[in-house]
Amino acid sequence: MQVAEGDEKAFEELFYAYHNQLGSYVMGWTKSTSVTEEVIQDVFLKIWINREALKSVERFDNYLYIVSRNHTFNALRQTAKKRLKSQVWARHFENEQEFSADTSDEDYMSLIDAAVAKLPPQQQKVYILKRHDGLKYEEIARRLEISPETARKHLAAALRNIISYVKARLHIILLILISHT
């Protein structure tokens, strides 16, 4: 095979001969145009980098589909891991676990405090009474003269607003964390 010898023109022809049907194959797994394009590029890059291995390949199309399948599964695994990390972060934030008092946590907490300061008054009161004072919904309801269900709804809305505020400023958290590592 000429590609194995480093023939760029042969590689280009190989790419154009297979990239569309390979794209359809990968798209069937990923359901994402951007992921599919990335996989196809990575597969052909891998083939070019390891082109000398092509000398021992008897059926290139089988080899290409196996490499593509493996790379696609790796890409899907990475996407799943990212999604899981994102969900864990969101759950962590919603539960608002205690943080140690190092500088990045202080910066993070100041971002949370800024989000709380932007909440509507009733949401702010419920959030503070629940998260900072540790009151139960029934106690909050008595203090604010609302029902426990209304207190729950205010807290849920407050958490959604805080999450939106923090997500919009996520780059700030990342910069803070990076600068402290």
C-alpha atoms as a PDB file:
ATOM      1  CA  MET A   1       0.000   0.000   0.000  1.00  0.00           C
ATOM      2  CA  GLN A   2       1.428   3.389  -1.041  1.00  0.00           C
ATOM      3  CA  VAL A   3       0.204   5.135   2.121  1.00  0.00           C
ATOM      4  CA  ALA A   4       2.442   2.859   4.196  1.00  0.00           C
ATOM      5  CA  GLU A   5       5.386   4.223   2.207  1.00  0.00           C
ATOM      6  CA  GLY A   6       4.430   7.827   3.092  1.00  0.00           C
ATOM      7  CA  ASP A   7       2.695   8.774  -0.181  1.00  0.00           C
ATOM      8  CA  GLU A   8       0.591  11.821   0.785  1.00  0.00           C
ATOM      9  CA  LYS A   9      -1.370  11.790  -2.476  1.00  0.00           C
ATOM     10  CA  ALA A  10      -2.374   8.161  -1.868  1.00  0.00           C
ATOM     11  CA  PHE A  11      -3.408   9.064   1.675  1.00  0.00           C
ATOM     12  CA  GLU A  12      -5.524  11.943   0.361  1.00  0.00           C
ATOM     13  CA  GLU A  13      -7.235   9.599  -2.093  1.00  0.00           C
ATOM     14  CA  LEU A  14      -7.804   7.093   0.698  1.00  0.00           C
ATOM     15  CA  PHE A  15      -9.349   9.795   2.872  1.00  0.00           C
ATOM     16  CA  TYR A  16     -11.741  10.942   0.139  1.00  0.00           C
ATOM     17  CA  ALA A  17     -12.632   7.362  -0.736  1.00  0.00           C
ATOM     18  CA  TYR A  18     -13.689   6.474   2.824  1.00  0.00           C
ATOM     19  CA  HIS A  19     -14.495   9.559   4.887  1.00  0.00           C
ATOM     20  CA  ASN A  20     -18.186   9.886   3.898  1.00  0.00           C
ATOM     21  CA  GLN A  21     -19.174   6.280   4.522  1.00  0.00           C
ATOM     22  CA  LEU A  22     -17.038   6.214   7.657  1.00  0.00           C
ATOM     23  CA  GLY A  23     -18.793   9.399   8.787  1.00  0.00           C
ATOM     24  CA  SER A  24     -22.187   7.717   8.376  1.00  0.00           C
ATOM     25  CA  TYR A  25     -20.956   4.713  10.349  1.00  0.00           C
ATOM     26  CA  VAL A  26     -19.626   6.844  13.220  1.00  0.00           C
ATOM     27  CA  MET A  27     -22.666   9.150  13.199  1.00  0.00           C
ATOM     28  CA  GLY A  28     -24.823   6.064  13.822  1.00  0.00           C
ATOM     29  CA  TRP A  29     -23.033   5.661  17.160  1.00  0.00           C
ATOM     30  CA  THR A  30     -22.480   9.268  18.236  1.00  0.00           C
ATOM     31  CA  LYS A  31     -25.583  11.057  16.915  1.00  0.00           C
ATOM     32  CA  SER A  32     -23.402  14.175  16.917  1.00  0.00           C
ATOM     33  CA  THR A  33     -21.889  15.900  13.908  1.00  0.00           C
ATOM     34  CA  SER A  34     -19.090  17.528  15.888  1.00  0.00           C
ATOM     35  CA  VAL A  35     -18.096  14.303  17.669  1.00  0.00           C
ATOM     36  CA  THR A  36     -18.276  12.408  14.371  1.00  0.00           C
ATOM     37  CA  GLU A  37     -16.028  14.919  12.610  1.00  0.00           C
ATOM     38  CA  GLU A  38     -13.542  14.776  15.469  1.00  0.00           C
ATOM     39  CA  VAL A  39     -13.497  10.968  15.426  1.00  0.00           C
ATOM     40  CA  ILE A  40     -12.984  10.847  11.653  1.00  0.00           C
ATOM     41  CA  GLN A  41     -10.112  13.337  11.845  1.00  0.00           C
ATOM     42  CA  ASP A  42      -8.512  11.444  14.715  1.00  0.00           C
ATOM     43  CA  VAL A  43      -8.866   8.096  12.940  1.00  0.00           C
ATOM     44  CA  PHE A  44      -7.223   9.327   9.761  1.00  0.00           C
ATOM     45  CA  LEU A  45      -4.528  11.106  11.760  1.00  0.00           C
ATOM     46  CA  LYS A  46      -3.842   7.860  13.613  1.00  0.00           C
ATOM     47  CA  ILE A  47      -3.677   5.978  10.321  1.00  0.00           C
ATOM     48  CA  TRP A  48      -1.183   8.486   8.908  1.00  0.00           C
ATOM     49  CA  ILE A  49       0.970   8.475  12.031  1.00  0.00           C
ATOM     50  CA  ASN A  50       0.987   4.660  12.153  1.00  0.00           C
ATOM     51  CA  ARG A  51       1.064   4.232   8.370  1.00  0.00           C
ATOM     52  CA  GLU A  52       3.891   1.682   8.428  1.00  0.00           C
ATOM     53  CA  ALA A  53       1.544  -0.714  10.235  1.00  0.00           C
ATOM     54  CA  LEU A  54      -0.615  -0.717   7.097  1.00  0.00           C
ATOM     55  CA  LYS A  55       1.916  -3.032   5.419  1.00  0.00           C
ATOM     56  CA  SER A  56       0.543  -5.933   7.459  1.00  0.00           C
ATOM     57  CA  VAL A  57      -3.145  -5.036   6.932  1.00  0.00           C
ATOM     58  CA  GLU A  58      -4.874  -7.377   4.488  1.00  0.00           C
ATOM     59  CA  ARG A  59      -8.279  -5.678   4.299  1.00  0.00           C
ATOM     60  CA  PHE A  60      -8.007  -1.940   4.807  1.00  0.00           C
ATOM     61  CA  ASP A  61     -11.764  -1.356   5.009  1.00  0.00           C
ATOM     62  CA  ASN A  62     -12.094  -3.840   7.911  1.00  0.00           C
ATOM     63  CA  TYR A  63      -9.094  -2.271   9.625  1.00  0.00           C
ATOM     64  CA  LEU A  64     -10.549   1.215   9.140  1.00  0.00           C
ATOM     65  CA  TYR A  65     -13.917   0.265  10.613  1.00  0.00           C
ATOM     66  CA  ILE A  66     -12.341  -1.459  13.618  1.00  0.00           C
ATOM     67  CA  VAL A  67     -10.109   1.548  14.341  1.00  0.00           C
ATOM     68  CA  SER A  68     -13.118   3.859  13.898  1.00  0.00           C
ATOM     69  CA  ARG A  69     -15.327   1.768  16.149  1.00  0.00           C
ATOM     70  CA  ASN A  70     -12.703   1.676  18.898  1.00  0.00           C
ATOM     71  CA  HIS A  71     -12.044   5.401  18.649  1.00  0.00           C
ATOM     72  CA  THR A  72     -15.788   6.132  18.643  1.00  0.00           C
ATOM     73  CA  PHE A  73     -16.305   4.075  21.805  1.00  0.00           C
ATOM     74  CA  ASN A  74     -13.425   5.911  23.472  1.00  0.00           C
ATOM     75  CA  ALA A  75     -14.956   9.264  22.486  1.00  0.00           C
ATOM     76  CA  LEU A  76     -18.374   8.193  23.809  1.00  0.00           C
ATOM     77  CA  ARG A  77     -16.765   7.007  27.052  1.00  0.00           C
ATOM     78  CA  GLN A  78     -15.040  10.394  27.457  1.00  0.00           C
ATOM     79  CA  THR A  79     -18.309  12.218  26.773  1.00  0.00           C
ATOM     80  CA  ALA A  80     -20.074  10.073  29.372  1.00  0.00           C
ATOM     81  CA  LYS A  81     -17.338  10.790  31.933  1.00  0.00           C
ATOM     82  CA  LYS A  82     -17.619  14.539  31.297  1.00  0.00           C
ATOM     83  CA  ARG A  83     -21.391  14.374  31.640  1.00  0.00           C
ATOM     84  CA  LEU A  84     -21.085  12.400  34.872  1.00  0.00           C
ATOM     85  CA  LYS A  85     -18.575  14.891  36.299  1.00  0.00           C
ATOM     86  CA  SER A  86     -20.944  17.707  35.402  1.00  0.00           C
ATOM     87  CA  GLN A  87     -23.834  15.941  37.152  1.00  0.00           C
ATOM     88  CA  VAL A  88     -21.701  15.232  40.220  1.00  0.00           C
ATOM     89  CA  TRP A  89     -20.682  18.898  40.341  1.00  0.00           C
ATOM     90  CA  ALA A  90     -24.306  20.014  40.080  1.00  0.00           C
ATOM     91  CA  ARG A  91     -25.367  17.603  42.856  1.00  0.00           C
ATOM     92  CA  HIS A  92     -22.449  18.739  44.967  1.00  0.00           C
ATOM     93  CA  PHE A  93     -23.484  22.335  44.461  1.00  0.00           C
ATOM     94  CA  GLU A  94     -27.153  21.651  45.184  1.00  0.00           C
ATOM     95  CA  ASN A  95     -26.269  19.857  48.411  1.00  0.00           C
ATOM     96  CA  GLU A  96     -23.821  22.652  49.180  1.00  0.00           C
ATOM     97  CA  GLN A  97     -21.522  20.574  51.293  1.00  0.00           C
ATOM     98  CA  GLU A  98     -19.105  22.172  53.708  1.00  0.00           C
ATOM     99  CA  PHE A  99     -15.854  23.431  52.233  1.00  0.00           C
ATOM    100  CA  SER A 100     -12.479  23.787  53.861  1.00  0.00           C
ATOM    101  CA  ALA A 101     -11.239  27.321  54.362  1.00  0.00           C
ATOM    102  CA  ASP A 102      -8.495  27.539  51.744  1.00  0.00           C
ATOM    103  CA  THR A 103      -8.319  30.492  49.382  1.00  0.00           C
ATOM    104  CA  SER A 104     -10.071  28.899  46.390  1.00  0.00           C
ATOM    105  CA  ASP A 105     -12.989  27.872  48.593  1.00  0.00           C
ATOM    106  CA  GLU A 106     -13.226  31.423  49.927  1.00  0.00           C
ATOM    107  CA  ASP A 107     -13.330  32.708  46.349  1.00  0.00           C
ATOM    108  CA  TYR A 108     -15.955  30.117  45.486  1.00  0.00           C
ATOM    109  CA  MET A 109     -18.021  31.040  48.521  1.00  0.00           C
ATOM    110  CA  SER A 110     -17.822  34.726  47.646  1.00  0.00           C
ATOM    111  CA  LEU A 111     -19.304  33.841  44.249  1.00  0.00           C
ATOM    112  CA  ILE A 112     -22.118  31.986  46.033  1.00  0.00           C
ATOM    113  CA  ASP A 113     -22.623  34.964  48.355  1.00  0.00           C
ATOM    114  CA  ALA A 114     -22.895  37.263  45.335  1.00  0.00           C
ATOM    115  CA  ALA A 115     -25.508  34.926  43.833  1.00  0.00           C
ATOM    116  CA  VAL A 116     -27.465  34.889  47.100  1.00  0.00           C
ATOM    117  CA  ALA A 117     -27.363  38.702  47.247  1.00  0.00           C
ATOM    118  CA  LYS A 118     -29.063  38.820  43.820  1.00  0.00           C
ATOM    119  CA  LEU A 119     -31.960  36.571  44.895  1.00  0.00           C
ATOM    120  CA  PRO A 120     -35.465  37.995  45.361  1.00  0.00           C
ATOM    121  CA  PRO A 121     -36.032  38.818  49.058  1.00  0.00           C
ATOM    122  CA  GLN A 122     -38.229  35.829  49.956  1.00  0.00           C
ATOM    123  CA  GLN A 123     -35.925  33.321  48.241  1.00  0.00           C
ATOM    124  CA  GLN A 124     -32.960  34.925  49.969  1.00  0.00           C
ATOM    125  CA  LYS A 125     -34.607  34.643  53.403  1.00  0.00           C
ATOM    126  CA  VAL A 126     -35.569  30.989  52.893  1.00  0.00           C
ATOM    127  CA  TYR A 127     -32.105  30.128  51.542  1.00  0.00           C
ATOM    128  CA  ILE A 128     -30.331  31.737  54.506  1.00  0.00           C
ATOM    129  CA  LEU A 129     -32.667  30.204  57.088  1.00  0.00           C
ATOM    130  CA  LYS A 130     -32.304  26.733  55.540  1.00  0.00           C
ATOM    131  CA  ARG A 131     -28.638  26.658  54.496  1.00  0.00           C
ATOM    132  CA  HIS A 132     -26.985  28.913  57.040  1.00  0.00           C
ATOM    133  CA  ASP A 133     -29.238  28.593  60.083  1.00  0.00           C
ATOM    134  CA  GLY A 134     -30.147  24.956  59.395  1.00  0.00           C
ATOM    135  CA  LEU A 135     -33.855  25.396  60.057  1.00  0.00           C
ATOM    136  CA  LYS A 136     -36.424  22.847  58.918  1.00  0.00           C
ATOM    137  CA  TYR A 137     -39.087  23.864  56.406  1.00  0.00           C
ATOM    138  CA  GLU A 138     -41.722  23.940  59.158  1.00  0.00           C
ATOM    139  CA  GLU A 139     -39.617  26.370  61.239  1.00  0.00           C
ATOM    140  CA  ILE A 140     -38.965  28.559  58.205  1.00  0.00           C
ATOM    141  CA  ALA A 141     -42.685  28.534  57.412  1.00  0.00           C
ATOM    142  CA  ARG A 142     -43.557  29.708  60.940  1.00  0.00           C
ATOM    143  CA  ARG A 143     -40.955  32.483  60.926  1.00  0.00           C
ATOM    144  CA  LEU A 144     -41.928  33.820  57.503  1.00  0.00           C
ATOM    145  CA  GLU A 145     -45.643  33.064  57.869  1.00  0.00           C
ATOM    146  CA  ILE A 146     -45.768  30.872  54.769  1.00  0.00           C
ATOM    147  CA  SER A 147     -46.526  27.186  54.254  1.00  0.00           C
ATOM    148  CA  PRO A 148     -43.748  24.584  54.416  1.00  0.00           C
ATOM    149  CA  GLU A 149     -44.435  23.769  50.747  1.00  0.00           C
ATOM    150  CA  THR A 150     -43.961  27.430  49.803  1.00  0.00           C
ATOM    151  CA  ALA A 151     -40.679  27.412  51.734  1.00  0.00           C
ATOM    152  CA  ARG A 152     -39.581  24.345  49.723  1.00  0.00           C
ATOM    153  CA  LYS A 153     -40.531  26.053  46.469  1.00  0.00           C
ATOM    154  CA  HIS A 154     -38.625  29.206  47.407  1.00  0.00           C
ATOM    155  CA  LEU A 155     -35.527  27.164  48.249  1.00  0.00           C
ATOM    156  CA  ALA A 156     -35.754  25.222  44.971  1.00  0.00           C
ATOM    157  CA  ALA A 157     -36.086  28.486  43.033  1.00  0.00           C
ATOM    158  CA  ALA A 158     -33.192  30.008  44.991  1.00  0.00           C
ATOM    159  CA  LEU A 159     -30.964  27.021  44.177  1.00  0.00           C
ATOM    160  CA  ARG A 160     -31.880  27.226  40.469  1.00  0.00           C
ATOM    161  CA  ASN A 161     -31.041  30.941  40.467  1.00  0.00           C
ATOM    162  CA  ILE A 162     -27.754  30.386  42.284  1.00  0.00           C
ATOM    163  CA  ILE A 163     -26.774  27.582  39.904  1.00  0.00           C
ATOM    164  CA  SER A 164     -27.591  29.784  36.897  1.00  0.00           C
ATOM    165  CA  TYR A 165     -25.550  32.640  38.347  1.00  0.00           C
ATOM    166  CA  VAL A 166     -22.555  30.404  39.044  1.00  0.00           C
ATOM    167  CA  LYS A 167     -22.755  28.631  35.668  1.00  0.00           C
ATOM    168  CA  ALA A 168     -22.749  32.012  33.938  1.00  0.00           C
ATOM    169  CA  ARG A 169     -19.555  32.816  35.831  1.00  0.00           C
ATOM    170  CA  LEU A 170     -18.010  29.350  35.727  1.00  0.00           C
ATOM    171  CA  HIS A 171     -14.981  30.666  33.878  1.00  0.00           C
ATOM    172  CA  ILE A 172     -14.196  32.791  36.940  1.00  0.00           C
ATOM    173  CA  ILE A 173     -14.168  29.709  39.183  1.00  0.00           C
ATOM    174  CA  LEU A 174     -11.917  27.876  36.746  1.00  0.00           C
ATOM    175  CA  LEU A 175      -9.487  30.797  36.606  1.00  0.00           C
ATOM    176  CA  ILE A 176      -9.445  30.980  40.400  1.00  0.00           C
ATOM    177  CA  LEU A 177      -8.826  27.260  40.753  1.00  0.00           C
ATOM    178  CA  ILE A 178      -6.116  27.275  38.093  1.00  0.00           C
ATOM    179  CA  SER A 179      -4.353  30.226  39.684  1.00  0.00           C
ATOM    180  CA  HIS A 180      -4.248  28.404  43.038  1.00  0.00           C
ATOM    181  CA  THR A 181      -2.774  25.149  41.752  1.00  0.00           C
END
